[in-house]
Protein backbone atom coordinates (compact mmCIF):
# COMPACT_ATOMS: atom_id res chain seq x y z
CA MET A 1 -29.67 -8.02 -15.42
CA ALA A 2 -28.38 -11.05 -13.52
CA HIS A 3 -30.60 -13.75 -12.09
CA ARG A 4 -31.49 -13.01 -8.46
CA VAL A 5 -32.32 -15.70 -5.93
CA LYS A 6 -34.41 -15.43 -2.77
CA VAL A 7 -32.50 -16.44 0.37
CA SER A 8 -34.11 -17.05 3.78
CA ILE A 9 -33.18 -18.37 7.24
CA SER A 10 -35.14 -21.13 8.93
CA GLY A 11 -34.94 -23.50 11.88
CA GLY A 12 -35.12 -27.27 12.06
CA SER A 13 -33.02 -30.13 10.76
CA ILE A 14 -31.81 -30.23 7.18
CA GLU A 15 -32.94 -33.84 6.64
CA LYS A 16 -36.53 -32.81 7.38
CA VAL A 17 -36.75 -29.91 4.94
CA ALA A 18 -39.09 -30.31 1.98
CA ALA A 19 -37.11 -28.79 -0.89
CA ASP A 20 -36.09 -29.99 -4.32
CA GLY A 21 -32.61 -30.46 -2.93
CA ILE A 22 -30.67 -30.16 0.31
CA ILE A 23 -26.96 -29.33 0.59
CA VAL A 24 -24.52 -30.87 3.05
CA ASN A 25 -20.72 -31.12 3.04
CA LEU A 26 -17.80 -33.47 3.64
CA PHE A 27 -14.15 -32.95 4.52
CA GLU A 28 -11.61 -34.90 2.54
CA GLY A 29 -10.57 -38.16 4.21
CA VAL A 30 -13.65 -38.50 6.41
CA ARG A 31 -14.87 -42.09 6.40
CA VAL A 32 -17.96 -41.72 8.58
CA PRO A 33 -19.83 -38.41 8.16
CA GLY A 34 -20.99 -36.59 11.26
CA GLY A 35 -23.11 -33.56 12.11
CA ALA A 36 -25.81 -32.62 9.62
CA THR A 37 -24.22 -34.75 6.91
CA GLY A 38 -24.30 -37.73 9.24
CA ALA A 39 -27.96 -37.09 10.06
CA VAL A 40 -28.80 -37.05 6.35
CA ASP A 41 -26.74 -40.19 5.79
CA GLU A 42 -28.57 -42.00 8.57
CA ALA A 43 -31.95 -40.92 7.23
CA LEU A 44 -30.92 -42.26 3.81
CA GLY A 45 -29.93 -45.63 5.22
CA GLY A 46 -26.17 -45.09 4.85
CA LEU A 47 -26.28 -43.94 1.22
CA LEU A 48 -23.47 -41.42 1.68
CA SER A 49 -21.34 -43.80 3.77
CA ASP A 50 -21.64 -46.39 1.02
CA ALA A 51 -20.57 -43.83 -1.59
CA ILE A 52 -17.54 -42.96 0.57
CA ALA A 53 -16.65 -46.64 1.03
CA MET A 54 -16.81 -47.22 -2.73
CA GLY A 55 -14.51 -44.25 -3.38
CA GLU A 56 -17.19 -42.34 -5.27
CA LEU A 57 -17.50 -39.58 -2.66
CA LYS A 58 -14.15 -38.28 -1.45
CA GLY A 59 -14.74 -34.77 -0.10
CA THR A 60 -12.07 -33.26 -2.32
CA LEU A 61 -12.21 -29.50 -2.61
CA TYR A 62 -15.33 -28.27 -4.47
CA GLU A 63 -16.24 -31.82 -5.60
CA THR A 64 -20.01 -32.12 -5.89
CA ARG A 65 -22.22 -35.18 -6.04
CA VAL A 66 -26.02 -35.23 -6.38
CA TYR A 67 -27.90 -38.27 -5.09
CA PRO A 68 -31.60 -39.18 -5.27
CA THR A 69 -33.25 -39.70 -1.89
CA PHE A 70 -35.79 -42.32 -3.07
CA GLY A 71 -38.49 -40.74 -0.89
CA ARG A 72 -36.70 -41.53 2.37
CA ILE A 73 -36.62 -37.83 3.29
CA PRO A 74 -38.83 -34.95 2.09
CA ALA A 75 -36.14 -33.53 -0.25
CA LYS A 76 -35.88 -35.11 -3.69
CA ARG A 77 -32.09 -34.81 -3.98
CA VAL A 78 -29.10 -34.35 -1.70
CA VAL A 79 -26.08 -32.37 -2.89
CA VAL A 80 -22.77 -33.13 -1.17
CA VAL A 81 -19.93 -30.64 -1.62
CA GLY A 82 -16.31 -31.37 -0.75
CA LEU A 83 -14.53 -29.01 1.63
CA GLY A 84 -11.03 -30.36 1.04
CA PRO A 85 -8.55 -31.02 3.89
CA SER A 86 -9.89 -29.74 7.22
CA LYS A 87 -6.56 -28.10 8.12
CA GLU A 88 -6.78 -25.87 5.02
CA PHE A 89 -10.41 -24.82 5.50
CA ASN A 90 -11.16 -21.09 5.76
CA LEU A 91 -13.80 -18.47 4.92
CA LEU A 92 -12.82 -18.31 1.26
CA ARG A 93 -13.25 -22.06 0.89
CA ALA A 94 -16.54 -21.97 2.77
CA GLU A 95 -17.84 -19.37 0.34
CA ARG A 96 -16.61 -21.22 -2.74
CA ALA A 97 -17.94 -24.56 -1.49
CA SER A 98 -21.35 -22.96 -1.02
CA ALA A 99 -21.17 -21.57 -4.56
CA ALA A 100 -20.10 -24.92 -6.03
CA ALA A 101 -22.97 -26.68 -4.26
CA VAL A 102 -25.72 -24.37 -5.48
CA ARG A 103 -24.29 -24.49 -9.00
CA ALA A 104 -24.48 -28.29 -8.86
CA GLY A 105 -28.10 -27.99 -7.72
CA ALA A 106 -28.87 -25.65 -10.60
CA ARG A 107 -27.30 -28.04 -13.13
CA ALA A 108 -29.50 -30.80 -11.72
CA GLY A 109 -32.58 -28.69 -12.41
CA LEU A 110 -33.47 -28.08 -8.74
CA ARG A 111 -35.53 -24.93 -8.23
CA THR A 112 -35.56 -24.86 -4.43
CA LEU A 113 -32.60 -25.68 -2.23
CA ALA A 114 -31.86 -25.80 1.49
CA THR A 115 -28.32 -25.66 2.85
CA ILE A 116 -26.46 -25.90 6.10
CA VAL A 117 -23.94 -23.20 7.02
CA HIS A 118 -20.53 -24.39 5.85
CA GLY A 119 -17.91 -24.21 8.59
CA ALA A 120 -20.06 -23.17 11.55
CA GLY A 121 -19.78 -26.60 13.22
CA ILE A 122 -16.74 -28.87 13.06
CA GLY A 123 -15.26 -26.49 10.47
CA GLY A 124 -14.32 -24.26 13.38
CA LEU A 125 -15.21 -20.93 11.79
CA ASP A 126 -16.93 -18.08 13.58
CA PRO A 127 -20.65 -18.83 13.02
CA GLN A 128 -21.56 -15.34 11.84
CA LYS A 129 -18.66 -15.21 9.40
CA ALA A 130 -19.43 -18.74 8.20
CA PHE A 131 -23.07 -17.75 7.60
CA ALA A 132 -22.04 -14.64 5.66
CA ALA A 133 -19.60 -16.71 3.58
CA THR A 134 -22.31 -19.29 2.83
CA VAL A 135 -24.72 -16.57 1.69
CA ARG A 136 -22.07 -14.87 -0.43
CA GLY A 137 -21.45 -18.24 -2.03
CA ILE A 138 -25.13 -18.71 -2.78
CA TYR A 139 -25.34 -15.37 -4.57
CA LYS A 140 -22.04 -15.80 -6.38
CA GLY A 141 -22.65 -19.39 -7.41
CA LEU A 142 -26.08 -18.69 -8.89
CA TYR A 143 -24.98 -15.52 -10.68
CA ARG A 144 -25.32 -15.56 -14.44
CA PHE A 145 -24.98 -12.69 -16.87
CA ASP A 146 -27.42 -13.43 -19.66
CA ALA A 147 -28.72 -9.99 -20.61
CA TYR A 148 -27.34 -10.35 -24.12
CA ARG A 149 -28.43 -13.95 -24.78
CA SER A 150 -31.34 -14.52 -27.14
CA GLY A 151 -32.34 -17.68 -25.28
CA LYS A 152 -32.58 -17.67 -21.47
CA GLU A 153 -31.50 -20.57 -19.28
CA GLU A 154 -34.64 -22.17 -17.87
CA ARG A 155 -32.99 -24.21 -15.11
CA GLN A 156 -32.72 -21.58 -12.39
CA VAL A 157 -32.70 -21.92 -8.63
CA GLU A 158 -35.41 -19.65 -7.32
CA MET A 159 -35.01 -20.00 -3.56
CA VAL A 160 -32.37 -21.14 -1.07
CA GLU A 161 -33.19 -21.73 2.58
CA VAL A 162 -30.33 -21.55 5.10
CA VAL A 163 -31.24 -24.09 7.79
CA GLU A 164 -29.92 -23.84 11.36
CA ARG A 165 -31.32 -25.95 14.18
CA ASN A 166 -29.50 -23.99 16.93
CA GLU A 167 -31.69 -21.06 17.98
CA GLU A 168 -28.81 -18.97 19.28
CA LYS A 169 -26.98 -19.26 15.99
CA ARG A 170 -30.15 -18.44 14.06
CA GLU A 171 -30.44 -15.20 15.99
CA LEU A 172 -26.83 -14.37 15.18
CA TYR A 173 -27.55 -14.98 11.51
CA ARG A 174 -30.66 -12.83 11.55
CA HIS A 175 -28.73 -10.04 13.26
CA ILE A 176 -26.21 -9.77 10.42
CA TRP A 177 -28.66 -10.61 7.63
CA PRO A 178 -29.25 -7.00 6.44
CA GLU A 179 -25.51 -6.40 6.14
CA THR A 180 -24.89 -9.77 4.49
CA GLN A 181 -27.67 -9.27 1.95
CA ALA A 182 -26.65 -5.70 1.11
CA ILE A 183 -23.08 -6.79 0.44
CA ALA A 184 -24.09 -9.84 -1.61
CA GLU A 185 -26.44 -7.77 -3.77
CA ALA A 186 -23.81 -5.06 -4.23
CA VAL A 187 -21.30 -7.66 -5.44
CA ALA A 188 -23.87 -9.01 -7.92
CA LYS A 189 -24.50 -5.51 -9.23
CA VAL A 190 -20.77 -4.89 -9.64
CA ARG A 191 -20.51 -8.09 -11.67
CA ASP A 192 -23.31 -6.83 -13.93
CA TRP A 193 -21.51 -3.53 -14.52
CA VAL A 194 -18.12 -5.10 -15.25
CA ASN A 195 -19.63 -7.74 -17.55
CA THR A 196 -21.48 -5.12 -19.61
CA PRO A 197 -19.92 -4.71 -23.08
CA PRO A 198 -17.89 -1.52 -23.57
CA ARG A 199 -20.35 -0.27 -26.18
CA ASP A 200 -22.90 0.03 -23.40
CA MET A 201 -20.55 0.80 -20.49
CA THR A 202 -18.97 4.19 -21.16
CA PRO A 203 -17.94 7.13 -18.98
CA GLU A 204 -21.46 8.43 -19.52
CA THR A 205 -22.86 5.13 -18.21
CA LEU A 206 -20.74 5.33 -15.05
CA GLU A 207 -22.04 8.85 -14.49
CA ALA A 208 -25.63 7.62 -14.96
CA ILE A 209 -25.03 4.84 -12.41
CA ALA A 210 -23.68 7.36 -9.92
CA ARG A 211 -26.59 9.70 -10.58
CA ASN A 212 -29.06 6.88 -9.91
CA LEU A 213 -27.29 6.03 -6.64
CA ALA A 214 -27.43 9.69 -5.62
CA GLU A 215 -31.15 9.88 -6.31
CA THR A 216 -31.89 6.55 -4.62
CA TYR A 217 -29.90 7.07 -1.44
CA GLY A 218 -29.64 10.83 -1.09
CA PHE A 219 -25.93 11.20 -1.85
CA SER A 220 -24.57 14.51 -3.05
CA LEU A 221 -23.24 14.28 -6.61
CA GLU A 222 -20.56 16.29 -8.35
CA VAL A 223 -19.34 15.63 -11.88
CA ILE A 224 -16.36 17.45 -13.38
CA ARG A 225 -16.51 16.80 -17.08
CA GLY A 226 -14.55 17.52 -20.26
CA GLU A 227 -12.93 20.94 -20.56
CA GLU A 228 -13.85 21.74 -16.96
CA LEU A 229 -11.18 19.23 -15.93
CA LEU A 230 -8.59 21.48 -17.56
CA GLU A 231 -10.03 24.52 -15.83
CA ARG A 232 -9.60 22.67 -12.53
CA GLY A 233 -5.99 21.71 -13.34
CA MET A 234 -6.65 18.02 -14.05
CA GLU A 235 -4.63 17.58 -17.23
CA ALA A 236 -3.67 13.98 -16.46
CA LEU A 237 -7.26 12.75 -16.25
CA TYR A 238 -8.33 14.83 -19.22
CA GLY A 239 -5.40 13.70 -21.34
CA VAL A 240 -6.14 9.98 -21.03
CA GLY A 241 -9.66 10.44 -22.38
CA LYS A 242 -8.87 12.87 -25.23
CA GLY A 243 -8.98 10.20 -27.91
CA SER A 244 -12.55 9.11 -27.14
CA GLN A 245 -15.88 10.52 -28.26
CA TYR A 246 -16.95 10.33 -24.60
CA ALA A 247 -15.70 13.18 -22.46
CA PRO A 248 -13.55 12.12 -19.50
CA ARG A 249 -15.02 12.93 -16.11
CA LEU A 250 -14.41 12.80 -12.39
CA ILE A 251 -17.48 11.63 -10.48
CA ARG A 252 -17.89 12.31 -6.77
CA LEU A 253 -20.60 10.85 -4.55
CA SER A 254 -20.67 12.18 -0.99
CA TYR A 255 -22.29 10.31 1.89
CA ARG A 256 -22.63 12.06 5.24
CA GLY A 257 -23.66 9.71 8.03
CA GLY A 258 -21.51 10.83 10.95
CA GLU A 259 -18.05 11.67 12.19
CA GLY A 260 -16.34 8.28 12.28
CA LYS A 261 -12.54 8.43 12.34
CA GLY A 262 -12.32 11.11 9.68
CA LEU A 263 -13.39 11.58 6.07
CA LEU A 264 -12.61 8.40 4.14
CA ALA A 265 -12.32 8.62 0.34
CA LEU A 266 -12.65 5.52 -1.85
CA VAL A 267 -11.29 6.20 -5.33
CA GLY A 268 -11.88 3.87 -8.29
CA LYS A 269 -10.22 3.54 -11.69
CA GLY A 270 -12.95 3.71 -14.32
CA VAL A 271 -11.36 3.02 -17.71
CA THR A 272 -14.43 1.67 -19.47
CA PHE A 273 -12.28 0.33 -22.29
CA ASP A 274 -8.50 0.33 -22.49
CA SER A 275 -6.93 -0.05 -25.92
CA GLY A 276 -3.64 1.26 -24.57
CA GLY A 277 -4.06 4.53 -26.45
CA LEU A 278 -1.26 5.22 -28.94
CA SER A 279 0.85 2.66 -27.05
CA LEU A 280 -1.59 0.16 -28.47
CA LYS A 281 -2.16 -3.20 -26.82
CA THR A 282 -2.19 -6.41 -28.83
CA ALA A 283 -5.54 -7.69 -30.08
CA GLN A 284 -5.45 -10.44 -27.44
CA GLY A 285 -4.50 -7.93 -24.77
CA MET A 286 -7.67 -5.97 -25.51
CA GLU A 287 -10.10 -8.90 -25.30
CA THR A 288 -10.95 -8.43 -21.62
CA MET A 289 -10.36 -4.69 -21.32
CA LYS A 290 -14.01 -4.00 -20.60
CA MET A 291 -12.97 -5.00 -17.06
CA ASP A 292 -10.61 -2.03 -16.67
CA MET A 293 -13.38 -0.16 -14.86
CA ALA A 294 -13.69 -2.83 -12.15
CA GLY A 295 -12.12 -0.58 -9.52
CA ALA A 296 -14.73 2.09 -10.22
CA ALA A 297 -17.47 -0.55 -10.18
CA ALA A 298 -16.30 -1.79 -6.77
CA VAL A 299 -16.39 1.75 -5.39
CA LEU A 300 -19.90 2.32 -6.77
CA GLY A 301 -21.01 -1.07 -5.45
CA ALA A 302 -19.71 -0.09 -2.03
CA ALA A 303 -21.70 3.13 -2.32
CA GLN A 304 -24.85 1.10 -3.01
CA ALA A 305 -24.33 -1.06 0.09
CA VAL A 306 -23.53 1.98 2.23
CA GLY A 307 -26.71 3.62 0.98
CA GLU A 308 -28.67 0.56 2.06
CA LEU A 309 -27.00 0.17 5.47
CA LYS A 310 -26.55 3.86 6.40
CA PRO A 311 -23.55 3.53 8.74
CA LYS A 312 -22.71 6.48 10.98
CA VAL A 313 -19.68 7.67 9.08
CA SER A 314 -18.85 10.06 6.24
CA VAL A 315 -17.45 8.68 3.00
CA GLU A 316 -16.53 10.04 -0.41
CA PHE A 317 -16.83 7.78 -3.44
CA LEU A 318 -14.80 9.01 -6.41
CA VAL A 319 -14.63 7.55 -9.91
CA ALA A 320 -12.20 8.67 -12.59
CA ALA A 321 -14.07 7.70 -15.76
CA VAL A 322 -12.45 7.62 -19.21
CA GLU A 323 -12.13 5.59 -22.38
CA ASN A 324 -8.50 5.14 -23.46
CA LEU A 325 -8.51 5.06 -27.25
CA PRO A 326 -6.11 6.10 -30.03
CA GLY A 327 -7.18 9.07 -32.11
CA SER A 328 -6.03 12.32 -33.63
CA ARG A 329 -6.42 14.05 -30.26
CA SER A 330 -4.87 11.30 -28.13
CA GLN A 331 -1.97 12.17 -25.86
CA LYS A 332 1.40 10.94 -27.03
CA PRO A 333 4.48 9.36 -25.50
CA GLY A 334 6.71 12.28 -24.60
CA ASP A 335 3.85 14.55 -23.50
CA ILE A 336 4.03 16.19 -20.09
CA VAL A 337 0.82 16.79 -18.14
CA ARG A 338 0.10 18.67 -14.95
CA VAL A 339 -1.85 17.06 -12.11
CA GLN A 340 -4.14 19.14 -9.92
CA GLY A 341 -1.91 20.80 -7.38
CA GLY A 342 0.94 21.45 -9.81
CA LYS A 343 3.11 18.34 -10.09
CA THR A 344 4.04 17.31 -13.63
CA VAL A 345 4.20 13.83 -15.17
CA GLU A 346 6.15 12.77 -18.24
CA ILE A 347 4.18 10.23 -20.27
CA LEU A 348 6.35 7.49 -21.74
CA ASN A 349 3.61 4.90 -22.27
CA THR A 350 -0.03 5.81 -22.84
CA ASP A 351 -1.02 2.32 -21.66
CA ALA A 352 0.09 3.28 -18.14
CA GLU A 353 -3.05 5.39 -17.91
CA GLY A 354 -4.66 4.26 -14.66
CA ARG A 355 -2.06 5.97 -12.52
CA LEU A 356 -2.63 9.19 -14.46
CA ILE A 357 -6.38 9.38 -13.93
CA LEU A 358 -6.05 8.29 -10.30
CA ALA A 359 -3.35 10.90 -9.71
CA ASP A 360 -5.89 13.65 -10.36
CA ALA A 361 -8.63 11.87 -8.45
CA VAL A 362 -6.43 11.33 -5.40
CA ALA A 363 -5.12 14.89 -5.54
CA TYR A 364 -8.71 16.13 -5.69
CA ALA A 365 -9.71 14.00 -2.70
CA ARG A 366 -6.84 15.51 -0.74
CA SER A 367 -7.79 19.04 -1.86
CA PHE A 368 -11.34 18.87 -0.49
CA GLY A 369 -10.25 17.48 2.87
CA ALA A 370 -10.31 13.68 2.73
CA SER A 371 -8.36 12.50 5.77
CA HIS A 372 -7.75 8.95 4.46
CA ILE A 373 -7.63 7.80 0.84
CA VAL A 374 -7.95 4.28 -0.60
CA ASP A 375 -7.67 3.78 -4.35
CA VAL A 376 -8.82 0.62 -6.14
CA ALA A 377 -7.61 -0.20 -9.62
CA THR A 378 -6.94 -2.87 -12.21
CA LEU A 379 -3.60 -1.16 -12.41
CA THR A 380 -0.86 -3.55 -13.53
CA GLY A 381 -0.19 -6.86 -15.19
CA ALA A 382 2.73 -7.02 -12.80
CA ALA A 383 0.28 -7.62 -9.93
CA VAL A 384 -1.00 -10.69 -11.80
CA VAL A 385 2.57 -11.88 -12.38
CA ALA A 386 3.29 -11.52 -8.66
CA LEU A 387 0.08 -12.97 -7.19
CA GLY A 388 -1.86 -14.59 -10.01
CA GLN A 389 -5.62 -14.57 -9.50
CA GLU A 390 -5.42 -15.54 -5.84
CA ALA A 391 -4.96 -12.17 -4.13
CA SER A 392 -5.16 -8.43 -4.63
CA LEU A 393 -2.01 -6.40 -4.06
CA LEU A 394 -1.76 -3.77 -1.34
CA LEU A 395 0.66 -0.99 -0.53
CA GLY A 396 0.52 2.44 1.05
CA ASN A 397 2.03 4.89 3.46
CA ASP A 398 0.15 4.39 6.74
CA GLU A 399 0.26 1.30 8.95
CA GLU A 400 -3.12 1.87 10.59
CA LEU A 401 -4.93 2.29 7.28
CA LEU A 402 -3.14 -0.66 5.66
CA SER A 403 -4.04 -2.86 8.63
CA ALA A 404 -7.68 -1.73 8.38
CA VAL A 405 -7.78 -2.71 4.71
CA GLU A 406 -6.23 -6.10 5.49
CA LYS A 407 -8.69 -6.77 8.32
CA ALA A 408 -11.64 -5.86 6.10
CA HIS A 409 -10.50 -8.33 3.44
CA GLU A 410 -9.94 -11.03 6.04
CA ALA A 411 -13.44 -10.52 7.45
CA GLN A 412 -14.95 -10.98 3.99
CA GLY A 413 -12.78 -13.97 3.08
CA GLU A 414 -10.93 -12.09 0.35
CA ARG A 415 -7.17 -12.39 -0.01
CA ILE A 416 -4.86 -9.39 -0.16
CA TRP A 417 -1.08 -9.26 0.08
CA ARG A 418 0.98 -6.29 1.23
CA MET A 419 4.01 -5.20 -0.79
CA PRO A 420 6.84 -2.91 0.38
CA SER A 421 6.84 0.79 -0.41
CA TRP A 422 10.45 1.61 0.46
CA PRO A 423 11.60 5.14 -0.45
CA GLU A 424 14.22 3.69 -2.82
CA TYR A 425 11.42 2.79 -5.22
CA ARG A 426 10.80 6.51 -5.82
CA GLU A 427 14.04 6.59 -7.78
CA TYR A 428 12.48 4.19 -10.27
CA PHE A 429 10.07 6.80 -11.63
CA LYS A 430 12.14 10.00 -11.56
CA SER A 431 12.06 12.03 -14.76
CA SER A 432 14.73 14.23 -16.26
CA VAL A 433 12.18 16.63 -17.74
CA ALA A 434 9.24 16.54 -15.30
CA ASP A 435 8.62 15.87 -11.61
CA ILE A 436 8.01 12.16 -12.28
CA ARG A 437 7.40 9.78 -15.19
CA ASN A 438 4.40 7.49 -15.60
CA THR A 439 6.46 4.31 -15.99
CA GLY A 440 9.22 2.81 -13.89
CA LYS A 441 12.67 1.56 -14.70
CA GLY A 442 14.25 -1.42 -12.98
CA GLY A 443 11.26 -3.69 -12.38
CA ALA A 444 8.80 -3.74 -9.43
CA GLY A 445 6.08 -2.63 -11.84
CA ALA A 446 3.12 -3.14 -9.50
CA ILE A 447 4.85 -1.30 -6.66
CA VAL A 448 6.02 1.57 -8.84
CA GLY A 449 2.60 2.00 -10.44
CA GLY A 450 0.99 2.24 -7.03
CA LEU A 451 3.60 4.61 -5.64
CA ILE A 452 3.13 6.96 -8.58
CA ILE A 453 -0.49 7.34 -7.45
CA GLY A 454 0.60 7.70 -3.83
CA THR A 455 2.79 10.66 -4.75
CA PHE A 456 -0.38 12.72 -5.03
CA ALA A 457 -1.76 11.70 -1.65
CA GLU A 458 1.25 13.52 -0.19
CA ASP A 459 1.00 13.47 3.62
CA ARG A 460 -2.47 11.89 3.80
CA PRO A 461 -2.82 8.27 4.94
CA TRP A 462 -3.22 6.37 1.69
CA ALA A 463 -3.63 2.76 0.56
CA HIS A 464 -3.60 1.31 -2.93
CA ILE A 465 -5.37 -1.93 -3.92
CA ASP A 466 -4.38 -3.45 -7.26
CA VAL A 467 -7.19 -5.83 -8.23
CA ALA A 468 -5.96 -6.71 -11.72
CA GLY A 469 -5.85 -10.41 -10.92
CA THR A 470 -8.96 -10.83 -8.79
CA VAL A 471 -11.86 -9.08 -10.51
CA PHE A 472 -12.19 -11.11 -13.71
CA ARG A 473 -11.77 -14.75 -14.70
CA GLU A 474 -11.90 -15.85 -18.31
CA GLU A 475 -12.56 -19.50 -17.48
CA GLU A 476 -15.46 -21.08 -15.61
CA THR A 477 -14.64 -22.60 -12.21
CA PRO A 478 -16.60 -25.05 -10.04
CA TYR A 479 -17.78 -22.08 -8.00
CA SER A 480 -18.25 -19.30 -10.54
CA ALA A 481 -19.36 -18.45 -14.04
CA PRO A 482 -16.67 -16.85 -16.23
CA GLY A 483 -16.37 -13.08 -16.26
CA ALA A 484 -16.49 -10.51 -13.47
CA THR A 485 -16.08 -11.71 -9.88
CA GLY A 486 -17.08 -8.55 -7.99
CA GLY A 487 -13.79 -8.88 -6.12
CA THR A 488 -12.90 -6.47 -3.27
CA THR A 489 -16.38 -4.86 -3.26
CA ALA A 490 -17.37 -6.67 -0.06
CA SER A 491 -14.09 -5.66 1.57
CA LEU A 492 -14.63 -1.99 0.75
CA VAL A 493 -18.05 -2.14 2.40
CA GLN A 494 -16.50 -3.87 5.40
CA LEU A 495 -13.85 -1.15 5.61
CA VAL A 496 -16.56 1.52 5.76
CA LEU A 497 -18.54 -0.40 8.41
CA ASP A 498 -15.38 -0.87 10.48
CA TRP A 499 -14.60 2.82 10.01
CA ALA A 500 -17.99 3.72 11.40
CA LYS A 501 -17.27 1.57 14.48
CA GLY A 502 -13.88 3.20 15.01
CA ARG A 503 -11.83 0.07 14.42
């Protein structure tokens, strides 16, 4: 559905590449460019130095300038992207700078681009990680979701060449290329799924996606659907989806590649549209609720990448798929439902539905023997209040697992911030008529929402990732089109790869 670009690795010097455009970079405050940017500047007779001296080119973060080369080098245009202050540079900024640069090239009508690796030289980043960040940026920057447009955008970048003159670095890049490409393509696919309108992205659609992954990569597939959920004791998951014409379902993809450190379960919230149920959201609050299945999409995207890379580890991918709509059969505030395993939950707000469907999914993962459980969900507006759109929120009950999740995000340049899970917070969701209630009292909404899910992991190592602020942006940025971001997908893949390596 989205535009796909061909990316390759080549040797040589960027100023000698014959492409429509070449991409170099500049730190803020630099007066005389060095490295590859300096080589291009010299070949252009000081064009970039002159632009810096005149104050036109400043190197501010994600600033882009496109200059004609006047035939002095084989490329027709040079794109310069600002990296901001050098002391603040990191993998995230390398990725976003790469995305901003290729977007500038696309706006200029350039069909072929060549780029240096941002951060692998004076940027001080690990070369392999800098390469992966640059490639992620290429894919993310050129992503467009135009499946529903009657007129297609003609100005598309068709090919990007990553140029590295150092042979040793080129070999490092080629070594991690399969992994880098699989992750980048999985993120693009996740963005497609999350951007799809809710009319066309239903619980049935999520099941069809999982079925296609199973057929493509040889996963085992189990789907527990409709009334069978009640037979299996999953009243919480069933209850959230009662108001929809589409039966709620729990989808399980099983990958068996080896022992690893145990059986890891990744569990995603798949509310394909969230009206709030009878606790109805405002009209404005519903505008972006097609993205409430982004946790499920990230889990399925991770499954796609794992299927491509085939790590020697065993993983379960679970998706709790529902549509949360008001109707004559919808559950009501005051209802009490039973989660698989026997615990009961008093429902005080039907818009606190993600924790209900994940409660059954997590309990099921524990019941079939998952040794470690990670759930991913657009769970709370409170996570956005706490962290904005800059980081996902993390909490859990096991230091080793939490550290593994943090390291995976760091490796992929994605931000995540750990919150406390002190036992005192359990008092916030005690019920007088059931084991627990589905809403808290006393604040700490993001923490309480996560801990309600964690109740059903019981003694299993468990981590919760609230991605409410990081998987969707309503406004365009210099480095991304509006809509789904594919956030945390890459980190889930990294977690699985690290798991396979025992770290």
